[in-house]
Amino acid sequence: MSSMGVLGMKTWVRPAEASGKRAKRKKLPIADKESVKWLEGHERLVALKAHCKDTHIVGISDREGDIYDVFMAQRLEGVDWLVRAAWNRRVEHDEQYLWQTVLGTPVRGETDLLVPVSANTRKPARTALHGWRCAARRCACRHRGTGSQRNCHR
């Protein structure tokens, strides 16, 4: 297995006049939100797959990319989305929720992380052992009413 590297990235700066208006942004459709970048990223991967039929393509996002609309987007064979989850979503698994499901999987690897001094809590710098777990799970959410995220996580 080999890595091709970064195929795309979108950056932006929120206009100063939009700062502090989170409640208003939450009511907007995904196409009008900053988070549309995650859905657009998935769409770019799907388009790329047509040119790289023998390549397994994986999109990666941080917690900000844990977006309902991305999970509900059409999936192609060979195009996956790896997300550092932010929400304890319902999943199609015996455990029913993501956190419990992932905790039931083996640790795939460990790494030492340097945690810097905390200015807020005045904790000293330390090294933390971070365990990596992952699981391929299908979101059990279904469009109900508005299809909002609060229908599929707790």
N, C-alpha and C. Protein backbone atom coordinates (compact mmCIF):
# COMPACT_ATOMS: atom_id res chain seq x y z
N MET A 1 0.85 -1.17 0.00
CA MET A 1 0.00 0.00 0.00
C MET A 1 0.90 1.23 0.00
N SER A 2 0.54 2.21 -0.78
CA SER A 2 1.32 3.44 -0.81
C SER A 2 0.39 4.65 -0.74
N SER A 3 0.96 5.76 -0.38
CA SER A 3 0.20 6.99 -0.25
C SER A 3 0.54 7.94 -1.38
N MET A 4 -0.48 8.56 -1.95
CA MET A 4 -0.25 9.54 -3.01
C MET A 4 -0.06 10.93 -2.45
N GLY A 5 -0.54 11.19 -1.26
CA GLY A 5 -0.40 12.52 -0.67
C GLY A 5 -1.71 13.29 -0.70
N VAL A 6 -1.59 14.58 -0.50
CA VAL A 6 -2.75 15.46 -0.45
C VAL A 6 -3.20 15.77 -1.87
N LEU A 7 -4.48 15.51 -2.14
CA LEU A 7 -5.03 15.77 -3.47
C LEU A 7 -5.86 17.05 -3.50
N GLY A 8 -6.20 17.57 -2.36
CA GLY A 8 -6.99 18.80 -2.33
C GLY A 8 -7.12 19.31 -0.90
N MET A 9 -7.37 20.59 -0.81
CA MET A 9 -7.54 21.22 0.48
C MET A 9 -8.27 22.54 0.26
N LYS A 10 -9.17 22.88 1.16
CA LYS A 10 -9.89 24.14 1.05
C LYS A 10 -9.65 24.92 2.33
N THR A 11 -9.28 26.17 2.19
CA THR A 11 -9.10 27.05 3.34
C THR A 11 -9.95 28.30 3.14
N TRP A 12 -10.28 28.95 4.22
CA TRP A 12 -11.05 30.18 4.16
C TRP A 12 -10.90 30.90 5.49
N VAL A 13 -11.31 32.12 5.50
CA VAL A 13 -11.35 32.91 6.73
C VAL A 13 -12.77 33.42 6.87
N ARG A 14 -13.35 33.20 8.04
CA ARG A 14 -14.72 33.68 8.29
C ARG A 14 -14.71 35.20 8.32
N PRO A 15 -15.61 35.82 7.57
CA PRO A 15 -15.69 37.29 7.60
C PRO A 15 -15.99 37.78 9.02
N ALA A 16 -15.38 38.87 9.40
CA ALA A 16 -15.54 39.41 10.75
C ALA A 16 -17.00 39.63 11.11
N GLU A 17 -17.81 40.07 10.14
CA GLU A 17 -19.22 40.33 10.44
C GLU A 17 -20.02 39.06 10.71
N ALA A 18 -19.49 37.89 10.34
CA ALA A 18 -20.19 36.62 10.58
C ALA A 18 -19.81 36.00 11.92
N SER A 19 -18.80 36.55 12.57
CA SER A 19 -18.34 36.02 13.84
C SER A 19 -19.42 36.17 14.91
N GLY A 20 -19.58 35.13 15.73
CA GLY A 20 -20.55 35.18 16.83
C GLY A 20 -21.98 34.93 16.42
N LYS A 21 -22.22 34.41 15.23
CA LYS A 21 -23.60 34.18 14.75
C LYS A 21 -23.85 32.69 14.52
N ARG A 22 -23.35 31.85 15.45
CA ARG A 22 -23.44 30.41 15.32
C ARG A 22 -24.89 29.93 15.20
N ALA A 23 -25.79 30.46 16.02
CA ALA A 23 -27.18 30.01 16.00
C ALA A 23 -27.80 30.23 14.62
N LYS A 24 -27.48 31.34 14.01
CA LYS A 24 -28.01 31.63 12.67
C LYS A 24 -27.44 30.65 11.65
N ARG A 25 -26.13 30.37 11.74
CA ARG A 25 -25.49 29.45 10.79
C ARG A 25 -26.06 28.05 10.90
N LYS A 26 -26.40 27.61 12.12
CA LYS A 26 -26.92 26.26 12.32
C LYS A 26 -28.23 26.04 11.57
N LYS A 27 -28.98 27.09 11.32
CA LYS A 27 -30.27 26.97 10.64
C LYS A 27 -30.15 26.95 9.12
N LEU A 28 -28.97 27.26 8.60
CA LEU A 28 -28.78 27.33 7.16
C LEU A 28 -28.70 25.93 6.54
N PRO A 29 -29.06 25.79 5.27
CA PRO A 29 -28.84 24.51 4.59
C PRO A 29 -27.34 24.27 4.43
N ILE A 30 -26.94 23.02 4.30
CA ILE A 30 -25.52 22.68 4.21
C ILE A 30 -24.80 23.45 3.11
N ALA A 31 -25.46 23.71 2.00
CA ALA A 31 -24.82 24.42 0.88
C ALA A 31 -24.40 25.83 1.26
N ASP A 32 -25.02 26.42 2.29
CA ASP A 32 -24.70 27.78 2.72
C ASP A 32 -23.82 27.83 3.97
N LYS A 33 -23.35 26.68 4.43
CA LYS A 33 -22.52 26.63 5.63
C LYS A 33 -21.06 26.45 5.27
N GLU A 34 -20.19 26.87 6.18
CA GLU A 34 -18.76 26.66 6.00
C GLU A 34 -18.45 25.17 5.91
N SER A 35 -19.21 24.35 6.61
CA SER A 35 -18.96 22.91 6.64
C SER A 35 -19.25 22.20 5.32
N VAL A 36 -19.76 22.93 4.33
CA VAL A 36 -19.98 22.32 3.02
C VAL A 36 -18.66 21.83 2.43
N LYS A 37 -17.53 22.35 2.92
CA LYS A 37 -16.22 21.93 2.40
C LYS A 37 -16.02 20.43 2.55
N TRP A 38 -16.59 19.82 3.60
CA TRP A 38 -16.43 18.38 3.79
C TRP A 38 -17.23 17.61 2.75
N LEU A 39 -18.42 18.08 2.44
CA LEU A 39 -19.24 17.44 1.42
C LEU A 39 -18.60 17.63 0.04
N GLU A 40 -18.09 18.83 -0.22
CA GLU A 40 -17.41 19.09 -1.49
C GLU A 40 -16.17 18.20 -1.63
N GLY A 41 -15.46 18.00 -0.52
CA GLY A 41 -14.29 17.13 -0.54
C GLY A 41 -14.65 15.71 -0.92
N HIS A 42 -15.75 15.21 -0.35
CA HIS A 42 -16.22 13.87 -0.71
C HIS A 42 -16.59 13.81 -2.19
N GLU A 43 -17.27 14.82 -2.67
CA GLU A 43 -17.67 14.85 -4.09
C GLU A 43 -16.45 14.86 -5.01
N ARG A 44 -15.38 15.54 -4.60
CA ARG A 44 -14.14 15.55 -5.40
C ARG A 44 -13.50 14.17 -5.43
N LEU A 45 -13.57 13.45 -4.31
CA LEU A 45 -13.02 12.09 -4.29
C LEU A 45 -13.81 11.16 -5.20
N VAL A 46 -15.11 11.30 -5.20
CA VAL A 46 -15.96 10.49 -6.07
C VAL A 46 -15.63 10.78 -7.54
N ALA A 47 -15.44 12.05 -7.88
CA ALA A 47 -15.08 12.42 -9.26
C ALA A 47 -13.70 11.87 -9.61
N LEU A 48 -12.77 11.91 -8.68
CA LEU A 48 -11.42 11.41 -8.92
C LEU A 48 -11.42 9.91 -9.17
N LYS A 49 -12.30 9.19 -8.52
CA LYS A 49 -12.37 7.73 -8.66
C LYS A 49 -12.56 7.31 -10.11
N ALA A 50 -13.28 8.10 -10.89
CA ALA A 50 -13.50 7.78 -12.30
C ALA A 50 -12.19 7.74 -13.08
N HIS A 51 -11.17 8.47 -12.61
CA HIS A 51 -9.88 8.52 -13.29
C HIS A 51 -8.86 7.56 -12.68
N CYS A 52 -9.19 6.99 -11.52
CA CYS A 52 -8.27 6.11 -10.80
C CYS A 52 -9.02 4.85 -10.37
N LYS A 53 -9.50 4.10 -11.34
CA LYS A 53 -10.38 2.97 -11.05
C LYS A 53 -9.76 1.90 -10.15
N ASP A 54 -8.44 1.72 -10.20
CA ASP A 54 -7.78 0.69 -9.40
C ASP A 54 -7.21 1.21 -8.09
N THR A 55 -7.54 2.44 -7.73
CA THR A 55 -6.99 3.06 -6.52
C THR A 55 -8.08 3.15 -5.45
N HIS A 56 -7.72 2.76 -4.24
CA HIS A 56 -8.61 2.93 -3.09
C HIS A 56 -8.37 4.34 -2.56
N ILE A 57 -9.39 5.17 -2.58
CA ILE A 57 -9.27 6.58 -2.20
C ILE A 57 -9.91 6.77 -0.82
N VAL A 58 -9.18 7.46 0.04
CA VAL A 58 -9.67 7.70 1.40
C VAL A 58 -9.59 9.19 1.70
N GLY A 59 -10.74 9.80 2.01
CA GLY A 59 -10.79 11.17 2.48
C GLY A 59 -10.64 11.16 3.99
N ILE A 60 -9.96 12.15 4.53
CA ILE A 60 -9.72 12.21 5.97
C ILE A 60 -10.20 13.56 6.49
N SER A 61 -10.92 13.52 7.60
CA SER A 61 -11.36 14.78 8.21
C SER A 61 -11.18 14.74 9.71
N ASP A 62 -11.07 15.91 10.30
CA ASP A 62 -10.99 16.01 11.75
C ASP A 62 -12.41 16.01 12.32
N ARG A 63 -12.55 16.32 13.58
CA ARG A 63 -13.87 16.31 14.25
C ARG A 63 -14.86 17.27 13.58
N GLU A 64 -14.33 18.33 13.01
CA GLU A 64 -15.19 19.31 12.32
C GLU A 64 -15.90 18.66 11.12
N GLY A 65 -15.31 17.61 10.57
CA GLY A 65 -15.88 16.94 9.40
C GLY A 65 -16.91 15.87 9.74
N ASP A 66 -17.27 15.72 11.02
CA ASP A 66 -18.29 14.76 11.43
C ASP A 66 -19.65 15.41 11.15
N ILE A 67 -20.04 15.38 9.88
CA ILE A 67 -21.23 16.07 9.37
C ILE A 67 -22.24 15.05 8.86
N TYR A 68 -23.46 15.19 9.32
CA TYR A 68 -24.54 14.27 8.92
C TYR A 68 -24.63 14.13 7.40
N ASP A 69 -24.61 15.23 6.68
CA ASP A 69 -24.78 15.19 5.23
C ASP A 69 -23.67 14.41 4.54
N VAL A 70 -22.47 14.43 5.09
CA VAL A 70 -21.37 13.67 4.51
C VAL A 70 -21.62 12.17 4.70
N PHE A 71 -22.09 11.79 5.86
CA PHE A 71 -22.39 10.37 6.09
C PHE A 71 -23.53 9.88 5.20
N MET A 72 -24.46 10.74 4.89
CA MET A 72 -25.60 10.35 4.07
C MET A 72 -25.32 10.45 2.56
N ALA A 73 -24.16 11.00 2.19
CA ALA A 73 -23.81 11.14 0.77
C ALA A 73 -23.63 9.75 0.15
N GLN A 74 -23.91 9.65 -1.13
CA GLN A 74 -23.78 8.39 -1.85
C GLN A 74 -22.32 7.93 -1.82
N ARG A 75 -22.12 6.65 -1.57
CA ARG A 75 -20.78 6.07 -1.50
C ARG A 75 -20.51 5.24 -2.75
N LEU A 76 -19.29 5.36 -3.25
CA LEU A 76 -18.83 4.51 -4.33
C LEU A 76 -17.90 3.45 -3.75
N GLU A 77 -17.89 2.27 -4.34
CA GLU A 77 -16.93 1.24 -3.96
C GLU A 77 -15.52 1.79 -4.19
N GLY A 78 -14.66 1.68 -3.18
CA GLY A 78 -13.29 2.16 -3.32
C GLY A 78 -13.08 3.61 -2.93
N VAL A 79 -14.13 4.27 -2.41
CA VAL A 79 -14.00 5.64 -1.90
C VAL A 79 -14.53 5.63 -0.47
N ASP A 80 -13.65 5.87 0.48
CA ASP A 80 -14.03 5.86 1.89
C ASP A 80 -13.74 7.20 2.53
N TRP A 81 -14.33 7.40 3.71
CA TRP A 81 -14.19 8.65 4.44
C TRP A 81 -13.79 8.29 5.86
N LEU A 82 -12.61 8.70 6.28
CA LEU A 82 -12.12 8.47 7.63
C LEU A 82 -12.35 9.73 8.44
N VAL A 83 -13.08 9.60 9.55
CA VAL A 83 -13.47 10.76 10.35
C VAL A 83 -13.05 10.57 11.80
N ARG A 84 -12.43 11.58 12.35
CA ARG A 84 -12.21 11.61 13.79
C ARG A 84 -13.54 12.09 14.39
N ALA A 85 -14.31 11.16 14.89
CA ALA A 85 -15.70 11.43 15.26
C ALA A 85 -15.84 12.45 16.38
N ALA A 86 -16.87 13.28 16.25
CA ALA A 86 -17.21 14.28 17.27
C ALA A 86 -18.50 13.93 17.99
N TRP A 87 -19.33 13.11 17.37
CA TRP A 87 -20.66 12.81 17.91
C TRP A 87 -20.79 11.30 18.17
N ASN A 88 -21.46 10.95 19.24
CA ASN A 88 -21.72 9.55 19.56
C ASN A 88 -22.95 9.10 18.76
N ARG A 89 -22.75 8.91 17.47
CA ARG A 89 -23.85 8.59 16.56
C ARG A 89 -24.36 7.17 16.72
N ARG A 90 -25.62 6.99 16.34
CA ARG A 90 -26.17 5.64 16.27
C ARG A 90 -25.54 4.95 15.08
N VAL A 91 -25.17 3.68 15.28
CA VAL A 91 -24.56 2.91 14.21
C VAL A 91 -25.26 1.57 14.08
N GLU A 92 -25.12 0.96 12.92
CA GLU A 92 -25.69 -0.35 12.68
C GLU A 92 -24.75 -1.40 13.26
N HIS A 93 -24.88 -1.62 14.56
CA HIS A 93 -24.03 -2.55 15.29
C HIS A 93 -24.75 -2.93 16.57
N ASP A 94 -24.39 -4.07 17.16
CA ASP A 94 -25.04 -4.52 18.40
C ASP A 94 -24.95 -3.49 19.52
N GLU A 95 -23.84 -2.74 19.59
CA GLU A 95 -23.67 -1.75 20.65
C GLU A 95 -24.55 -0.51 20.44
N GLN A 96 -25.05 -0.28 19.25
CA GLN A 96 -25.97 0.80 18.86
C GLN A 96 -25.34 2.19 18.74
N TYR A 97 -24.31 2.49 19.53
CA TYR A 97 -23.71 3.81 19.46
C TYR A 97 -22.21 3.70 19.21
N LEU A 98 -21.67 4.70 18.54
CA LEU A 98 -20.30 4.67 18.05
C LEU A 98 -19.26 4.49 19.14
N TRP A 99 -19.33 5.30 20.22
CA TRP A 99 -18.28 5.23 21.24
C TRP A 99 -18.16 3.81 21.80
N GLN A 100 -19.28 3.19 22.15
CA GLN A 100 -19.25 1.85 22.72
C GLN A 100 -18.73 0.83 21.70
N THR A 101 -19.11 1.01 20.44
CA THR A 101 -18.67 0.11 19.39
C THR A 101 -17.15 0.17 19.22
N VAL A 102 -16.60 1.37 19.13
CA VAL A 102 -15.16 1.52 18.93
C VAL A 102 -14.39 1.04 20.15
N LEU A 103 -14.88 1.32 21.35
CA LEU A 103 -14.19 0.85 22.55
C LEU A 103 -14.12 -0.68 22.62
N GLY A 104 -15.01 -1.36 21.92
CA GLY A 104 -15.00 -2.82 21.87
C GLY A 104 -14.03 -3.39 20.85
N THR A 105 -13.31 -2.54 20.12
CA THR A 105 -12.35 -3.00 19.13
C THR A 105 -10.94 -3.01 19.73
N PRO A 106 -10.05 -3.82 19.18
CA PRO A 106 -8.69 -3.85 19.73
C PRO A 106 -7.93 -2.56 19.42
N VAL A 107 -6.97 -2.24 20.28
CA VAL A 107 -6.08 -1.11 20.03
C VAL A 107 -5.19 -1.50 18.86
N ARG A 108 -5.17 -0.67 17.82
CA ARG A 108 -4.40 -0.98 16.60
C ARG A 108 -2.96 -0.50 16.69
N GLY A 109 -2.71 0.44 17.56
CA GLY A 109 -1.37 0.97 17.71
C GLY A 109 -1.34 1.99 18.82
N GLU A 110 -0.15 2.34 19.24
CA GLU A 110 0.01 3.33 20.29
C GLU A 110 1.11 4.29 19.91
N THR A 111 1.01 5.50 20.40
CA THR A 111 2.06 6.50 20.17
C THR A 111 2.15 7.41 21.39
N ASP A 112 3.33 7.91 21.63
CA ASP A 112 3.52 8.88 22.70
C ASP A 112 3.24 10.28 22.17
N LEU A 113 2.48 11.05 22.91
CA LEU A 113 2.18 12.44 22.54
C LEU A 113 2.69 13.37 23.62
N LEU A 114 3.40 14.40 23.20
CA LEU A 114 3.85 15.41 24.15
C LEU A 114 2.70 16.39 24.38
N VAL A 115 2.23 16.48 25.60
CA VAL A 115 1.16 17.41 25.97
C VAL A 115 1.85 18.62 26.61
N PRO A 116 1.72 19.80 26.00
CA PRO A 116 2.43 20.97 26.54
C PRO A 116 1.83 21.46 27.85
N VAL A 117 2.54 22.35 28.49
CA VAL A 117 2.06 22.99 29.71
C VAL A 117 0.71 23.64 29.42
N SER A 118 -0.22 23.50 30.34
CA SER A 118 -1.53 24.11 30.18
C SER A 118 -1.57 25.46 30.89
N ALA A 119 -1.84 26.50 30.14
CA ALA A 119 -1.92 27.84 30.73
C ALA A 119 -3.16 27.98 31.61
N ASN A 120 -4.24 27.27 31.24
CA ASN A 120 -5.50 27.38 31.99
C ASN A 120 -5.47 26.61 33.30
N THR A 121 -4.97 25.38 33.28
CA THR A 121 -5.01 24.55 34.49
C THR A 121 -3.68 24.48 35.21
N ARG A 122 -2.64 25.05 34.59
CA ARG A 122 -1.28 25.06 35.14
C ARG A 122 -0.71 23.66 35.34
N LYS A 123 -1.20 22.71 34.55
CA LYS A 123 -0.63 21.36 34.60
C LYS A 123 0.72 21.39 33.88
N PRO A 124 1.68 20.65 34.40
CA PRO A 124 2.99 20.64 33.74
C PRO A 124 2.94 19.85 32.43
N ALA A 125 3.95 20.05 31.59
CA ALA A 125 4.07 19.28 30.35
C ALA A 125 4.23 17.81 30.72
N ARG A 126 3.71 16.94 29.88
CA ARG A 126 3.80 15.51 30.15
C ARG A 126 3.74 14.74 28.84
N THR A 127 4.05 13.49 28.92
CA THR A 127 3.90 12.61 27.77
C THR A 127 2.71 11.70 28.03
N ALA A 128 1.80 11.62 27.07
CA ALA A 128 0.62 10.77 27.20
C ALA A 128 0.72 9.64 26.18
N LEU A 129 0.27 8.47 26.57
CA LEU A 129 0.22 7.33 25.66
C LEU A 129 -1.14 7.34 24.98
N HIS A 130 -1.14 7.44 23.66
CA HIS A 130 -2.39 7.51 22.89
C HIS A 130 -2.59 6.20 22.16
N GLY A 131 -3.73 5.55 22.41
CA GLY A 131 -4.07 4.30 21.72
C GLY A 131 -4.97 4.58 20.53
N TRP A 132 -4.70 3.91 19.42
CA TRP A 132 -5.47 4.09 18.19
C TRP A 132 -6.45 2.94 18.03
N ARG A 133 -7.71 3.28 17.84
CA ARG A 133 -8.76 2.30 17.56
C ARG A 133 -9.52 2.79 16.34
N CYS A 134 -10.03 1.88 15.58
CA CYS A 134 -10.86 2.28 14.45
C CYS A 134 -11.84 1.16 14.13
N ALA A 135 -12.92 1.53 13.50
CA ALA A 135 -13.93 0.56 13.10
C ALA A 135 -14.72 1.14 11.94
N ALA A 136 -14.97 0.31 10.96
CA ALA A 136 -15.82 0.72 9.84
C ALA A 136 -17.26 0.46 10.26
N ARG A 137 -18.03 1.52 10.37
CA ARG A 137 -19.42 1.39 10.79
C ARG A 137 -20.30 2.26 9.93
N ARG A 138 -21.51 1.80 9.71
CA ARG A 138 -22.50 2.56 8.94
C ARG A 138 -23.39 3.30 9.91
N CYS A 139 -23.56 4.58 9.65
CA CYS A 139 -24.43 5.41 10.47
C CYS A 139 -25.86 4.90 10.35
N ALA A 140 -26.54 4.75 11.47
CA ALA A 140 -27.91 4.24 11.47
C ALA A 140 -28.93 5.36 11.32
N CYS A 141 -28.47 6.58 11.13
CA CYS A 141 -29.36 7.73 11.02
C CYS A 141 -30.18 7.65 9.74
N ARG A 142 -31.35 8.12 9.80
CA ARG A 142 -32.21 8.20 8.63
C ARG A 142 -32.79 9.60 8.60
N HIS A 143 -33.08 10.08 7.40
CA HIS A 143 -33.70 11.41 7.30
C HIS A 143 -35.08 11.34 7.95
N ARG A 144 -35.22 12.08 9.03
CA ARG A 144 -36.51 12.20 9.70
C ARG A 144 -36.78 13.67 9.88
N GLY A 145 -37.89 14.13 9.43
CA GLY A 145 -38.18 15.55 9.54
C GLY A 145 -37.13 16.35 8.79
N THR A 146 -36.34 17.11 9.51
CA THR A 146 -35.31 17.91 8.86
C THR A 146 -34.05 17.10 8.61
N GLY A 147 -33.95 15.89 9.19
CA GLY A 147 -32.73 15.10 9.05
C GLY A 147 -31.57 15.67 9.83
N SER A 148 -31.86 16.46 10.86
CA SER A 148 -30.80 17.13 11.59
C SER A 148 -29.98 16.14 12.40
N GLN A 149 -28.79 16.55 12.78
CA GLN A 149 -27.88 15.70 13.52
C GLN A 149 -28.45 15.25 14.85
N ARG A 150 -29.26 16.06 15.48
CA ARG A 150 -29.72 15.67 16.81
C ARG A 150 -30.62 14.44 16.77
N ASN A 151 -31.04 13.98 15.58
CA ASN A 151 -31.81 12.77 15.48
C ASN A 151 -30.95 11.51 15.48
N CYS A 152 -29.61 11.66 15.38
CA CYS A 152 -28.79 10.47 15.25
C CYS A 152 -27.60 10.43 16.18
N HIS A 153 -27.56 11.27 17.17
CA HIS A 153 -26.51 11.16 18.18
C HIS A 153 -27.06 11.53 19.53
N ARG A 154 -26.31 11.17 20.55
CA ARG A 154 -26.73 11.55 21.91
C ARG A 154 -25.60 12.19 22.62
